Amino acid sequence: MSQVQQSPFDGIVAMAKGMWITLKHMLVRPADTVEFPFERRVPPPRMHGRHILNRYPNGMEKCIGCELCAGACPADAILVWGAENPKDNPISPGERYAAVYEINMLRCIFCGLCVEACPTDAITMTSFFEFTGKSRSSLIYSKDELLEPPPGPEWRKLDYIGDPIILSAEEMEQPGVGSLHGAGESGDEVVDVPVVWLPTETWRAPYETKDTQ
């Protein structure tokens, strides 16, 4: 087979094209990184962050211990043990409740399949992501910790200090439902879509006076 001979000029042109792409990204595109935690960006509207277990307005837990979220989890990160509801003091409106509910954040891939599988909207996901741990066990969230909005448990167990990044109230209308702008063919249509965040007032109100020092 005959080999195609390339002139040195072709190599110079190819190198120039590559350098132009590099210069264009350096000079034209906005910075893709920030100096976290001194600079922080608002998370995307549909970001999947830390989970939370929800209650009804009367205080009863929405989780009925059906274990569908654990079955839907592709990473086997959720552990649920259902039990019969006490007749004299029911914990959930159903016949069963979650006696044990744990999520291993080290295994979780934050796909949101648990939210989609839940028949009672008991589990949703906030846009809170600023948590880390000093041990593996500290990143296994118990039921009591999941029932509390962030950053309460993070303040206690992970030594989290700071103001959580949250979305505006306009973007977080209610748990499980929100508006996606620019989703239509024309680019200006507003479509109601299922989402996984919580309203600002539900998340932040209990911790506004928290002393983080």
Protein backbone atom coordinates (compact mmCIF):
# COMPACT_ATOMS: atom_id res chain seq x y z
CA MET A 1 0.00 0.00 0.00
CA SER A 2 1.20 3.46 -0.83
CA GLN A 3 1.57 5.91 1.99
CA VAL A 4 0.15 9.42 1.68
CA GLN A 5 2.87 11.98 2.09
CA GLN A 6 1.98 15.01 4.22
CA SER A 7 3.80 18.25 3.84
CA PRO A 8 5.18 20.16 6.86
CA PHE A 9 2.62 22.86 6.09
CA ASP A 10 -0.24 20.45 6.91
CA GLY A 11 1.26 19.81 10.33
CA ILE A 12 1.60 23.51 11.02
CA VAL A 13 -2.06 24.07 10.05
CA ALA A 14 -3.23 21.25 12.33
CA MET A 15 -1.17 22.61 15.24
CA ALA A 16 -2.52 26.12 14.65
CA LYS A 17 -6.11 24.81 14.75
CA GLY A 18 -5.44 23.08 18.04
CA MET A 19 -3.82 26.17 19.56
CA TRP A 20 -6.75 28.30 18.38
CA ILE A 21 -9.22 26.06 20.21
CA THR A 22 -7.11 26.35 23.36
CA LEU A 23 -6.87 30.14 23.11
CA LYS A 24 -10.60 30.44 22.42
CA HIS A 25 -11.42 28.49 25.57
CA MET A 26 -9.00 30.62 27.59
CA LEU A 27 -10.09 34.03 26.31
CA VAL A 28 -13.72 33.69 25.27
CA ARG A 29 -15.38 31.13 27.51
CA PRO A 30 -16.25 32.13 31.11
CA ALA A 31 -14.37 30.49 33.94
CA ASP A 32 -15.66 26.99 34.66
CA THR A 33 -14.16 26.80 38.14
CA VAL A 34 -14.54 28.90 41.26
CA GLU A 35 -12.46 29.18 44.42
CA PHE A 36 -14.69 27.08 46.62
CA PRO A 37 -15.65 27.67 49.43
CA PHE A 38 -14.87 31.39 49.11
CA GLU A 39 -16.86 31.47 45.87
CA ARG A 40 -19.91 29.30 45.44
CA ARG A 41 -22.32 28.85 42.60
CA VAL A 42 -26.03 28.25 42.91
CA PRO A 43 -26.70 24.59 42.05
CA PRO A 44 -28.74 23.73 38.95
CA PRO A 45 -32.53 23.69 39.49
CA ARG A 46 -32.77 19.91 39.17
CA MET A 47 -29.66 19.00 41.10
CA HIS A 48 -29.79 15.77 43.11
CA GLY A 49 -28.38 16.47 46.55
CA ARG A 50 -28.85 15.06 50.03
CA HIS A 51 -32.04 13.08 50.63
CA ILE A 52 -34.75 13.98 53.11
CA LEU A 53 -37.72 12.06 54.50
CA ASN A 54 -40.93 14.09 54.55
CA ARG A 55 -43.84 14.32 56.98
CA TYR A 56 -47.48 15.23 56.60
CA PRO A 57 -48.65 18.58 58.02
CA ASN A 58 -49.94 16.74 61.12
CA GLY A 59 -46.45 15.38 61.81
CA MET A 60 -47.00 11.79 60.66
CA GLU A 61 -44.28 10.26 58.51
CA LYS A 62 -45.05 9.76 54.85
CA CYS A 63 -42.88 6.66 54.62
CA ILE A 64 -44.94 3.45 54.88
CA GLY A 65 -41.98 1.07 54.91
CA CYS A 66 -42.80 -0.49 51.54
CA GLU A 67 -39.08 -0.78 50.66
CA LEU A 68 -39.68 0.16 47.02
CA CYS A 69 -36.94 2.79 47.20
CA ALA A 70 -34.46 0.17 48.41
CA GLY A 71 -35.49 -2.16 45.60
CA ALA A 72 -35.10 0.58 42.98
CA CYS A 73 -31.66 1.69 44.19
CA PRO A 74 -29.05 0.47 41.71
CA ALA A 75 -26.21 0.96 44.20
CA ASP A 76 -27.85 -0.88 47.11
CA ALA A 77 -27.37 2.22 49.24
CA ILE A 78 -30.75 2.19 51.03
CA LEU A 79 -31.73 -0.06 53.92
CA VAL A 80 -35.40 -0.14 54.98
CA TRP A 81 -37.02 -2.40 57.54
CA GLY A 82 -40.79 -2.09 57.64
CA ALA A 83 -42.83 -2.87 60.74
CA GLU A 84 -46.48 -2.92 61.77
CA ASN A 85 -47.81 0.45 62.87
CA PRO A 86 -48.63 0.71 66.59
CA LYS A 87 -52.42 0.88 66.86
CA ASP A 88 -52.41 3.22 69.84
CA ASN A 89 -49.80 5.60 68.38
CA PRO A 90 -49.42 5.18 64.60
CA ILE A 91 -46.29 6.64 63.06
CA SER A 92 -47.56 6.69 59.47
CA PRO A 93 -51.07 6.67 57.97
CA GLY A 94 -50.64 3.14 56.57
CA GLU A 95 -50.56 -0.25 58.19
CA ARG A 96 -46.76 -0.20 58.22
CA TYR A 97 -43.99 2.29 58.84
CA ALA A 98 -40.22 2.37 58.43
CA ALA A 99 -38.74 1.07 61.66
CA VAL A 100 -35.25 1.41 60.15
CA TYR A 101 -34.29 3.71 57.30
CA GLU A 102 -30.66 4.29 56.39
CA ILE A 103 -28.86 5.67 53.35
CA ASN A 104 -25.18 5.07 52.78
CA MET A 105 -24.00 8.25 51.06
CA LEU A 106 -20.74 6.57 50.08
CA ARG A 107 -22.66 4.11 47.91
CA CYS A 108 -25.33 6.50 46.68
CA ILE A 109 -24.92 7.67 43.08
CA PHE A 110 -27.63 10.36 43.49
CA CYS A 111 -29.63 9.09 40.52
CA GLY A 112 -33.02 9.92 42.05
CA LEU A 113 -34.59 6.53 41.29
CA CYS A 114 -35.63 6.21 44.94
CA VAL A 115 -37.67 9.39 44.58
CA GLU A 116 -39.42 8.09 41.48
CA ALA A 117 -40.17 4.72 43.09
CA CYS A 118 -41.76 6.14 46.26
CA PRO A 119 -45.58 5.92 46.10
CA THR A 120 -46.18 8.46 48.89
CA ASP A 121 -43.57 11.15 48.06
CA ALA A 122 -41.90 10.27 51.35
CA ILE A 123 -38.35 10.72 50.06
CA THR A 124 -37.13 13.68 48.06
CA MET A 125 -33.72 15.18 47.40
CA THR A 126 -32.54 18.65 48.29
CA SER A 127 -29.88 20.64 46.46
CA PHE A 128 -27.60 20.43 49.52
CA PHE A 129 -24.27 18.81 48.65
CA GLU A 130 -21.71 20.33 51.04
CA PHE A 131 -21.15 17.39 53.32
CA THR A 132 -18.15 15.21 54.01
CA GLY A 133 -17.12 12.95 56.84
CA LYS A 134 -14.22 11.88 58.98
CA SER A 135 -15.20 8.21 58.83
CA ARG A 136 -17.26 5.84 56.70
CA SER A 137 -19.87 5.41 59.42
CA SER A 138 -20.48 9.16 59.65
CA LEU A 139 -21.77 9.16 56.07
CA ILE A 140 -24.46 6.58 56.80
CA TYR A 141 -27.56 8.66 57.52
CA SER A 142 -30.11 7.27 59.94
CA LYS A 143 -33.86 7.78 59.78
CA ASP A 144 -33.81 10.55 62.41
CA GLU A 145 -31.13 12.40 60.46
CA LEU A 146 -32.99 12.02 57.17
CA LEU A 147 -36.18 13.36 58.75
CA GLU A 148 -34.33 16.59 59.55
CA PRO A 149 -33.60 19.08 56.74
CA PRO A 150 -29.98 20.00 56.07
CA PRO A 151 -27.76 21.37 57.43
CA GLY A 152 -28.95 20.41 60.93
CA PRO A 153 -27.45 16.91 61.05
CA GLU A 154 -24.41 18.12 59.14
CA TRP A 155 -23.73 20.76 61.79
CA ARG A 156 -23.74 18.09 64.48
CA LYS A 157 -22.14 15.03 62.91
CA LEU A 158 -19.91 16.43 60.17
CA ASP A 159 -18.81 19.75 61.73
CA TYR A 160 -20.32 21.57 58.76
CA ILE A 161 -20.01 25.35 59.17
CA GLY A 162 -21.58 27.68 56.67
CA ASP A 163 -24.72 28.78 54.96
CA PRO A 164 -26.17 26.11 52.67
CA ILE A 165 -26.47 26.85 48.98
CA ILE A 166 -30.16 26.94 48.17
CA LEU A 167 -32.26 27.80 45.17
CA SER A 168 -34.68 30.70 45.05
CA ALA A 169 -38.29 30.24 46.10
CA GLU A 170 -39.39 30.85 42.52
CA GLU A 171 -37.51 27.76 41.39
CA MET A 172 -38.71 25.62 44.29
CA GLU A 173 -42.49 25.86 44.20
CA GLN A 174 -43.29 22.72 46.19
CA PRO A 175 -41.75 19.30 46.84
CA GLY A 176 -41.95 17.10 43.78
CA VAL A 177 -43.25 19.68 41.29
CA GLY A 178 -41.53 22.55 39.55
CA SER A 179 -41.31 24.48 36.30
CA LEU A 180 -38.69 23.90 33.65
CA HIS A 181 -38.15 26.98 31.49
CA GLY A 182 -37.13 26.85 27.87
CA ALA A 183 -38.13 23.23 27.44
CA GLY A 184 -40.35 23.65 24.39
CA GLU A 185 -39.37 23.59 20.75
CA SER A 186 -39.47 27.38 20.61
CA GLY A 187 -37.22 27.64 23.67
CA ASP A 188 -39.58 29.84 25.69
CA GLU A 189 -42.16 27.30 26.83
CA VAL A 190 -42.63 26.62 30.57
CA VAL A 191 -43.29 22.95 31.31
CA ASP A 192 -44.25 21.46 34.67
CA VAL A 193 -41.88 18.60 35.43
CA PRO A 194 -41.22 16.36 38.47
CA VAL A 195 -38.25 17.63 40.47
CA VAL A 196 -36.62 16.71 43.75
CA TRP A 197 -36.05 19.80 45.87
CA LEU A 198 -37.74 21.44 48.83
CA PRO A 199 -39.05 24.98 49.31
CA THR A 200 -36.62 27.43 50.85
CA GLU A 201 -38.81 28.14 53.87
CA THR A 202 -39.14 24.41 54.65
CA TRP A 203 -35.40 23.91 54.52
CA ARG A 204 -33.85 26.96 56.08
CA ALA A 205 -36.30 28.41 58.61
CA PRO A 206 -35.40 26.16 61.59
CA TYR A 207 -31.69 27.05 61.28
CA GLU A 208 -31.66 30.77 60.59
CA THR A 209 -30.60 31.56 64.16
CA LYS A 210 -28.10 28.69 64.43
CA ASP A 211 -24.78 29.75 65.91
CA THR A 212 -22.09 28.09 63.83
CA GLN A 213 -19.16 29.34 65.85
